Structures are given as structure tokens and as C-alpha cells.
Amino acid sequence: MSDQLASLLAAGERAAFHGRPASGVPPLQQAVEAAHESGRDDEATAAAWLLGVALGASGRYGSALAVLEPLAERAAVDHPARRLFASLAASTAASVHRQLGRHAAAQELDDQAQELAGDAAEALFDARLGLAADAVGLGDAATARSRLEQATALLEGRSDWWRQRVRVLWVRAEVSLLTGDPGGAIKAAETAVTLAESSGAPRHVAKSLLFLGVAQVSGGDTNEAAATLRRAATLSESLGCLPLVWPSRAMLGALLEGVVPQESARSLASARSTVISIADDLPEDLRADWLGRPDVATLLEG
């Protein structure tokens, strides 16, 4: 691999997982082009997947799917790297559909990802954890627990998998909330915050704080929840992570309504404008699904 291509990939990966995701888009676009021009198909595929991750984390869901869906369809039995990234792309596309509230569509993609993963542990993990999150979205606690256990088992002996460990804690918090255990959700989310902070992953810190704030609301600690959601919103905004900005601002605005009305109004206005910004990058059919998502529709009607 050329030094320039390696540098572009490294810059994009750092931004996607350890910085502002949007700043990773230009170098990853350059990496895709450079890899194609030099005939490095595997590197082009890896760069395209990372590009999809960065776009999705920024809230550019339509652009992310335009990159990820072709990758997911390029699997080849006799081409291990292509098959691996097809699985990872399917899982990442599934996460985008979950964010849009399309849990059944996400489940289909995660099933595809699991089939493509084969023995590749990282891809298999993403697929199984995605299926657990899909089950949460569909209200199926038993399946969510089972899939979560399967994904968690793959962590054994892999102490370097910080990202996977944080994501397991997110889904554990979701399962706890689904089953009426806010205390368990708070514990999982607090652990996720600590692990993400020690891993130098601010986007994962912000999302962990969002889960923690939701769990604190569920547990009845609204004062602590407001402080946590304020942290989540501020950090998300500094990173340009629109998928985290709108729910943290929406929940904070709802909590502060009637208590700190001016801050509540500002937070709700920010949440609404962010929701519209996300919609602007979506094709018409997905835009309708997004704006019709119950919590999004309720926010916009407020």
C-alpha cells in the first residue's frame, strides 16, 4: 500500500472512531479514488466501508446508504476480503435503518450480514449485536437477550475490542430498559462512558451519555438526567454527530419544560432543526419514514 493511501485511510479511521466523523469524509473519498486508480480493490473496499461509517455517524444517512448498500451486494464466495466488507457494510447499513426507525429492514440486513460473516469474528459480532438491537426495536426481549449473549461470547480473549465492548454495554442498557430495569441500564451506561473515555473515543462517550441520561429519566432521577443529557448534547454538537444531537436535545428540552423554559425552548428548537437536517440527506421514501417515526413526528408537532 502506498504511503499516501495508508495515510488517507488512517486519517479517515481516526476521524470515524476518535474525532469528528465528518472530517473523515474527504480523506476517505480520496482513499477510495486512489485505491481504485492503483488497482487496489481490497483497500478501496475498506475505505468505502469506513466512508459509510463516517457519513452515517455524521447523520448523512442517505449518503451513507448510497455507499454501503453496493458494498453489501458485492459479496463473493471466493473473495474473502470482499465478503468480509460486504458483511460489515450490511451491518452498518442496518444500523442506519434502525436509526430511521426501520427495524424490520434492519433485521433483514443483519441476517444477511450474519450469513456473509462466516468465521470472521468482527463481522459476526457486528451482525449478532445488530440482531439484538433489532429485537429491542421490535420489542422482543427474549430474542434480544439471546442475541446479546451470542455477541458477548465473541468478546472473550479480545481485550483490544474496546469499540465492541462499548456497544455491548449500549445494547445491555437497552435490554434493561425494555424489561423495566433502569438500575441495570444505568450501570451498563456508566460503564460504557468510562470505557469510551479511556479509549479516547468522544463519539462513543456522547452516545454512552445519551443512554445514561435515558436510563436516569427512566429511573426517576430527572435532575441528574438533565445534567447528563446536557453533556451528551454539548459533546455531540462539538463532534457534528447529528444522530446524537437531536435525541439528547429533545429529551433535555422535554425535561426542562416548565422548569427552565428558555433552555427548554432552545433545546427543542435545536432538536427540530437537526431532524430536518437529517431528512434533507434522505431519498423521498426514507425521508417519509424518518419524519413519520413516532418520536420524530411528535417532536416536530410540538
Protein backbone atom coordinates (compact mmCIF):
# COMPACT_ATOMS: atom_id res chain seq x y z
CA MET A 1 0.00 0.00 0.00
CA SER A 2 1.34 3.44 -0.89
CA ASP A 3 2.23 5.83 1.92
CA GLN A 4 -0.37 8.32 0.68
CA LEU A 5 -3.16 5.74 0.63
CA ALA A 6 -2.20 4.43 4.07
CA SER A 7 -2.19 8.00 5.41
CA LEU A 8 -5.64 8.73 3.96
CA LEU A 9 -7.09 5.54 5.42
CA ALA A 10 -5.56 6.24 8.83
CA ALA A 11 -6.89 9.80 8.87
CA GLY A 12 -10.36 8.62 7.92
CA GLU A 13 -10.41 5.86 10.51
CA ARG A 14 -9.23 8.24 13.26
CA ALA A 15 -11.99 10.68 12.43
CA ALA A 16 -14.66 7.98 12.23
CA PHE A 17 -13.88 6.47 15.63
CA HIS A 18 -11.84 9.05 17.57
CA GLY A 19 -12.80 12.50 16.28
CA ARG A 20 -15.30 14.43 14.17
CA PRO A 21 -16.71 11.87 11.72
CA ALA A 22 -17.39 14.47 9.03
CA SER A 23 -13.70 15.34 8.89
CA GLY A 24 -13.01 11.77 7.82
CA VAL A 25 -15.21 12.02 4.72
CA PRO A 26 -12.80 13.92 2.39
CA PRO A 27 -9.72 11.71 3.06
CA LEU A 28 -11.80 8.54 2.74
CA GLN A 29 -13.30 9.74 -0.55
CA GLN A 30 -9.75 10.39 -1.76
CA ALA A 31 -8.68 6.97 -0.50
CA VAL A 32 -11.45 5.23 -2.45
CA GLU A 33 -10.41 7.05 -5.64
CA ALA A 34 -6.68 6.46 -5.11
CA ALA A 35 -7.17 2.77 -4.36
CA HIS A 36 -9.33 2.28 -7.48
CA GLU A 37 -6.81 4.13 -9.65
CA SER A 38 -3.97 1.89 -8.44
CA GLY A 39 -5.99 -1.30 -8.77
CA ARG A 40 -6.12 -1.96 -5.02
CA ASP A 41 -9.65 -3.33 -4.77
CA ASP A 42 -9.37 -4.53 -1.16
CA GLU A 43 -8.17 -1.13 0.06
CA ALA A 44 -10.89 0.61 -1.96
CA THR A 45 -13.48 -1.62 -0.31
CA ALA A 46 -12.12 -0.95 3.19
CA ALA A 47 -12.06 2.80 2.52
CA ALA A 48 -15.63 2.73 1.21
CA TRP A 49 -16.88 0.94 4.32
CA LEU A 50 -15.14 3.48 6.58
CA LEU A 51 -16.65 6.24 4.44
CA GLY A 52 -20.10 4.78 5.08
CA VAL A 53 -19.37 4.70 8.81
CA ALA A 54 -18.25 8.34 8.83
CA LEU A 55 -21.25 9.50 6.81
CA GLY A 56 -23.70 7.61 9.00
CA ALA A 57 -22.14 8.89 12.22
CA SER A 58 -22.48 12.44 10.87
CA GLY A 59 -26.18 11.92 10.19
CA ARG A 60 -25.84 11.84 6.40
CA TYR A 61 -27.92 8.69 6.23
CA GLY A 62 -28.85 8.81 2.55
CA SER A 63 -25.23 9.32 1.51
CA ALA A 64 -24.13 6.53 3.84
CA LEU A 65 -26.61 4.05 2.36
CA ALA A 66 -25.56 5.03 -1.17
CA VAL A 67 -22.04 3.88 -0.26
CA LEU A 68 -22.89 0.89 1.95
CA GLU A 69 -25.63 -0.86 0.00
CA PRO A 70 -23.49 -1.52 -3.11
CA LEU A 71 -20.75 -2.92 -0.86
CA ALA A 72 -23.23 -5.24 0.83
CA GLU A 73 -24.24 -6.59 -2.56
CA ARG A 74 -20.66 -7.27 -3.75
CA ALA A 75 -20.04 -10.41 -1.68
CA ALA A 76 -18.13 -13.18 -3.44
CA VAL A 77 -17.64 -16.65 -2.04
CA ASP A 78 -14.11 -16.90 -3.47
CA HIS A 79 -13.07 -13.39 -2.35
CA PRO A 80 -12.69 -13.34 1.48
CA ALA A 81 -12.00 -9.58 1.80
CA ARG A 82 -14.97 -8.64 -0.36
CA ARG A 83 -17.19 -11.00 1.60
CA LEU A 84 -15.94 -9.60 4.93
CA PHE A 85 -16.64 -6.00 3.96
CA ALA A 86 -20.00 -6.95 2.45
CA SER A 87 -20.93 -8.27 5.89
CA LEU A 88 -19.62 -5.18 7.69
CA ALA A 89 -21.40 -2.92 5.20
CA ALA A 90 -24.69 -4.78 5.67
CA SER A 91 -24.38 -4.39 9.45
CA THR A 92 -23.58 -0.69 9.14
CA ALA A 93 -26.48 -0.15 6.73
CA ALA A 94 -28.70 -1.97 9.23
CA SER A 95 -27.68 0.49 11.93
CA VAL A 96 -28.74 3.36 9.65
CA HIS A 97 -32.15 1.78 9.11
CA ARG A 98 -32.52 1.30 12.89
CA GLN A 99 -31.84 5.00 13.38
CA LEU A 100 -34.59 5.72 10.87
CA GLY A 101 -36.98 3.51 12.86
CA ARG A 102 -36.98 0.79 10.19
CA HIS A 103 -36.30 -2.19 12.48
CA ALA A 104 -37.65 -4.91 10.19
CA ALA A 105 -35.47 -3.66 7.31
CA ALA A 106 -32.51 -3.54 9.68
CA GLN A 107 -33.14 -7.13 10.77
CA GLU A 108 -33.06 -8.33 7.15
CA LEU A 109 -29.69 -6.65 6.64
CA ASP A 110 -28.28 -8.05 9.88
CA ASP A 111 -29.43 -11.54 8.87
CA GLN A 112 -27.60 -11.01 5.57
CA ALA A 113 -24.52 -9.78 7.46
CA GLN A 114 -24.50 -12.85 9.69
CA GLU A 115 -24.73 -15.16 6.68
CA LEU A 116 -21.85 -13.37 4.97
CA ALA A 117 -19.65 -13.17 8.07
CA GLY A 118 -18.61 -16.81 8.09
CA ASP A 119 -15.83 -17.27 10.64
CA ALA A 120 -14.79 -13.59 10.65
CA ALA A 121 -15.24 -12.75 14.32
CA GLU A 122 -15.53 -8.97 13.98
CA ALA A 123 -18.17 -9.18 11.25
CA LEU A 124 -20.04 -11.93 13.10
CA PHE A 125 -20.04 -9.79 16.24
CA ASP A 126 -21.48 -6.78 14.39
CA ALA A 127 -24.23 -8.90 12.86
CA ARG A 128 -25.23 -10.60 16.12
CA LEU A 129 -25.20 -7.41 18.14
CA GLY A 130 -27.18 -5.72 15.39
CA LEU A 131 -29.77 -8.50 15.60
CA ALA A 132 -30.00 -7.93 19.36
CA ALA A 133 -30.61 -4.21 18.78
CA ASP A 134 -33.20 -5.04 16.10
CA ALA A 135 -35.03 -7.26 18.58
CA VAL A 136 -35.07 -4.40 21.11
CA GLY A 137 -36.61 -2.14 18.48
CA LEU A 138 -39.22 -4.79 17.72
CA GLY A 139 -39.99 -5.25 21.44
CA ASP A 140 -38.75 -8.86 21.56
CA ALA A 141 -36.84 -9.03 24.86
CA ALA A 142 -36.17 -12.79 24.77
CA THR A 143 -34.55 -12.66 21.32
CA ALA A 144 -32.64 -9.52 22.28
CA ARG A 145 -31.15 -11.27 25.32
CA SER A 146 -30.22 -14.36 23.30
CA ARG A 147 -28.53 -12.38 20.53
CA LEU A 148 -26.76 -10.19 23.08
CA GLU A 149 -25.33 -13.29 24.79
CA GLN A 150 -24.12 -14.62 21.43
CA ALA A 151 -22.38 -11.34 20.63
CA THR A 152 -20.90 -11.03 24.12
CA ALA A 153 -19.38 -14.51 23.86
CA LEU A 154 -17.24 -13.30 20.95
CA LEU A 155 -15.52 -10.76 23.22
CA GLU A 156 -13.71 -13.47 25.14
CA GLY A 157 -9.94 -13.19 24.77
CA ARG A 158 -10.19 -9.93 22.79
CA SER A 159 -9.21 -7.24 25.28
CA ASP A 160 -8.41 -4.82 22.45
CA TRP A 161 -12.03 -4.73 21.26
CA TRP A 162 -12.92 -1.51 23.08
CA ARG A 163 -15.49 -0.45 20.49
CA GLN A 164 -17.30 -3.77 20.61
CA ARG A 165 -17.33 -3.75 24.41
CA VAL A 166 -18.85 -0.27 24.50
CA ARG A 167 -21.52 -1.29 22.01
CA VAL A 168 -22.40 -4.41 24.04
CA LEU A 169 -22.97 -2.14 27.02
CA TRP A 170 -25.28 0.07 24.95
CA VAL A 171 -27.46 -2.86 23.96
CA ARG A 172 -27.36 -4.22 27.51
CA ALA A 173 -28.72 -0.86 28.66
CA GLU A 174 -31.44 -1.03 26.00
CA VAL A 175 -32.46 -4.55 27.04
CA SER A 176 -32.57 -3.44 30.67
CA LEU A 177 -34.85 -0.53 29.79
CA LEU A 178 -37.05 -2.79 27.67
CA THR A 179 -37.50 -5.16 30.62
CA GLY A 180 -38.14 -2.47 33.24
CA ASP A 181 -34.72 -2.44 34.91
CA PRO A 182 -33.48 1.18 34.90
CA GLY A 183 -30.86 0.37 37.54
CA GLY A 184 -29.26 -2.20 35.26
CA ALA A 185 -29.40 0.27 32.37
CA ILE A 186 -27.70 2.97 34.45
CA LYS A 187 -24.92 0.59 35.47
CA ALA A 188 -24.29 -0.54 31.88
CA ALA A 189 -24.31 3.03 30.55
CA GLU A 190 -21.97 4.32 33.27
CA THR A 191 -19.51 1.55 32.45
CA ALA A 192 -19.79 2.42 28.75
CA VAL A 193 -18.98 6.09 29.48
CA THR A 194 -15.86 5.12 31.43
CA LEU A 195 -14.65 2.67 28.78
CA ALA A 196 -15.27 5.10 25.91
CA GLU A 197 -13.43 7.87 27.77
CA SER A 198 -10.42 5.64 28.45
CA SER A 199 -10.41 4.61 24.77
CA GLY A 200 -10.23 8.20 23.54
CA ALA A 201 -13.50 7.87 21.64
CA PRO A 202 -15.57 11.04 22.15
CA ARG A 203 -18.41 9.99 19.84
CA HIS A 204 -18.83 6.80 21.88
CA VAL A 205 -18.67 8.88 25.07
CA ALA A 206 -21.50 11.07 23.77
CA LYS A 207 -23.68 8.11 22.85
CA SER A 208 -22.97 6.44 26.20
CA LEU A 209 -24.01 9.65 27.96
CA LEU A 210 -27.22 9.65 25.94
CA PHE A 211 -28.01 6.11 27.07
CA LEU A 212 -27.15 7.09 30.64
CA GLY A 213 -29.47 10.10 30.51
CA VAL A 214 -32.33 7.99 29.15
CA ALA A 215 -31.76 5.41 31.90
CA GLN A 216 -31.72 8.12 34.58
CA VAL A 217 -35.01 9.51 33.28
CA SER A 218 -36.48 6.00 33.43
CA GLY A 219 -35.17 5.65 36.98
CA GLY A 220 -36.81 8.92 38.04
CA ASP A 221 -33.64 10.95 38.62
CA THR A 222 -34.58 13.88 36.43
CA ASN A 223 -32.04 16.37 37.85
CA GLU A 224 -29.11 14.03 37.19
CA ALA A 225 -30.60 13.13 33.82
CA ALA A 226 -30.74 16.78 32.76
CA ALA A 227 -27.06 17.25 33.59
CA THR A 228 -26.12 14.08 31.73
CA LEU A 229 -28.18 14.94 28.65
CA ARG A 230 -26.70 18.43 28.63
CA ARG A 231 -23.23 16.86 28.49
CA ALA A 232 -24.32 14.46 25.77
CA ALA A 233 -25.81 17.26 23.66
CA THR A 234 -22.83 19.60 24.01
CA LEU A 235 -20.31 16.89 23.14
CA SER A 236 -22.42 15.64 20.22
CA GLU A 237 -22.69 19.15 18.81
CA SER A 238 -18.94 19.69 19.08
CA LEU A 239 -18.41 16.49 17.07
CA GLY A 240 -21.10 17.22 14.49
CA CYS A 241 -22.87 13.94 15.32
CA LEU A 242 -26.44 14.80 14.33
CA PRO A 243 -27.86 11.36 15.26
CA LEU A 244 -26.89 12.07 18.88
CA VAL A 245 -27.70 15.78 18.92
CA TRP A 246 -31.42 15.52 18.22
CA PRO A 247 -32.43 12.90 20.85
CA SER A 248 -30.27 14.44 23.59
CA ARG A 249 -31.65 17.91 22.84
CA ALA A 250 -35.22 16.63 22.53
CA MET A 251 -35.11 14.79 25.87
CA LEU A 252 -33.38 17.69 27.61
CA GLY A 253 -35.97 20.11 26.25
CA ALA A 254 -38.80 17.92 27.47
CA LEU A 255 -37.24 17.57 30.94
CA LEU A 256 -36.70 21.32 31.33
CA GLU A 257 -40.11 22.39 30.08
CA GLY A 258 -41.80 24.30 32.88
CA VAL A 259 -38.57 24.30 34.90
CA VAL A 260 -36.09 26.23 32.75
CA PRO A 261 -38.38 27.31 29.87
CA GLN A 262 -35.82 29.30 27.90
CA GLU A 263 -33.27 26.48 27.81
CA SER A 264 -36.07 24.02 27.07
CA ALA A 265 -37.19 26.06 24.06
CA ARG A 266 -33.62 26.35 22.74
CA SER A 267 -33.02 22.62 23.11
CA LEU A 268 -36.28 21.67 21.39
CA ALA A 269 -35.58 24.11 18.54
CA SER A 270 -32.13 22.58 18.10
CA ALA A 271 -33.62 19.08 18.05
CA ARG A 272 -36.18 20.06 15.40
CA SER A 273 -33.63 21.72 13.12
CA THR A 274 -31.33 18.71 13.44
CA VAL A 275 -34.14 16.32 12.50
CA ILE A 276 -34.80 18.39 9.37
CA SER A 277 -31.08 18.45 8.52
CA ILE A 278 -31.02 14.65 8.67
CA ALA A 279 -34.14 14.49 6.47
CA ASP A 280 -32.50 16.70 3.84
CA ASP A 281 -29.95 13.95 3.02
CA LEU A 282 -32.54 11.19 2.61
CA PRO A 283 -34.28 9.95 -0.55
CA GLU A 284 -38.00 10.62 -0.65
CA ASP A 285 -39.22 7.23 0.63
CA LEU A 286 -36.79 7.11 3.55
CA ARG A 287 -37.43 10.76 4.30
CA ALA A 288 -41.11 9.97 4.76
CA ASP A 289 -40.28 7.07 7.09
CA TRP A 290 -37.90 9.25 9.10
CA LEU A 291 -40.30 12.15 9.52
CA GLY A 292 -43.07 9.68 10.33
CA ARG A 293 -41.09 7.96 13.07
CA PRO A 294 -43.34 8.46 16.12
CA ASP A 295 -40.88 10.33 18.34
CA VAL A 296 -39.68 12.47 15.45
CA ALA A 297 -43.24 13.30 14.38
CA THR A 298 -44.16 14.20 17.97
CA LEU A 299 -41.10 16.46 18.22
CA LEU A 300 -41.95 18.29 15.01
CA GLU A 301 -45.58 18.76 16.06
CA GLY A 302 -44.57 20.31 19.38
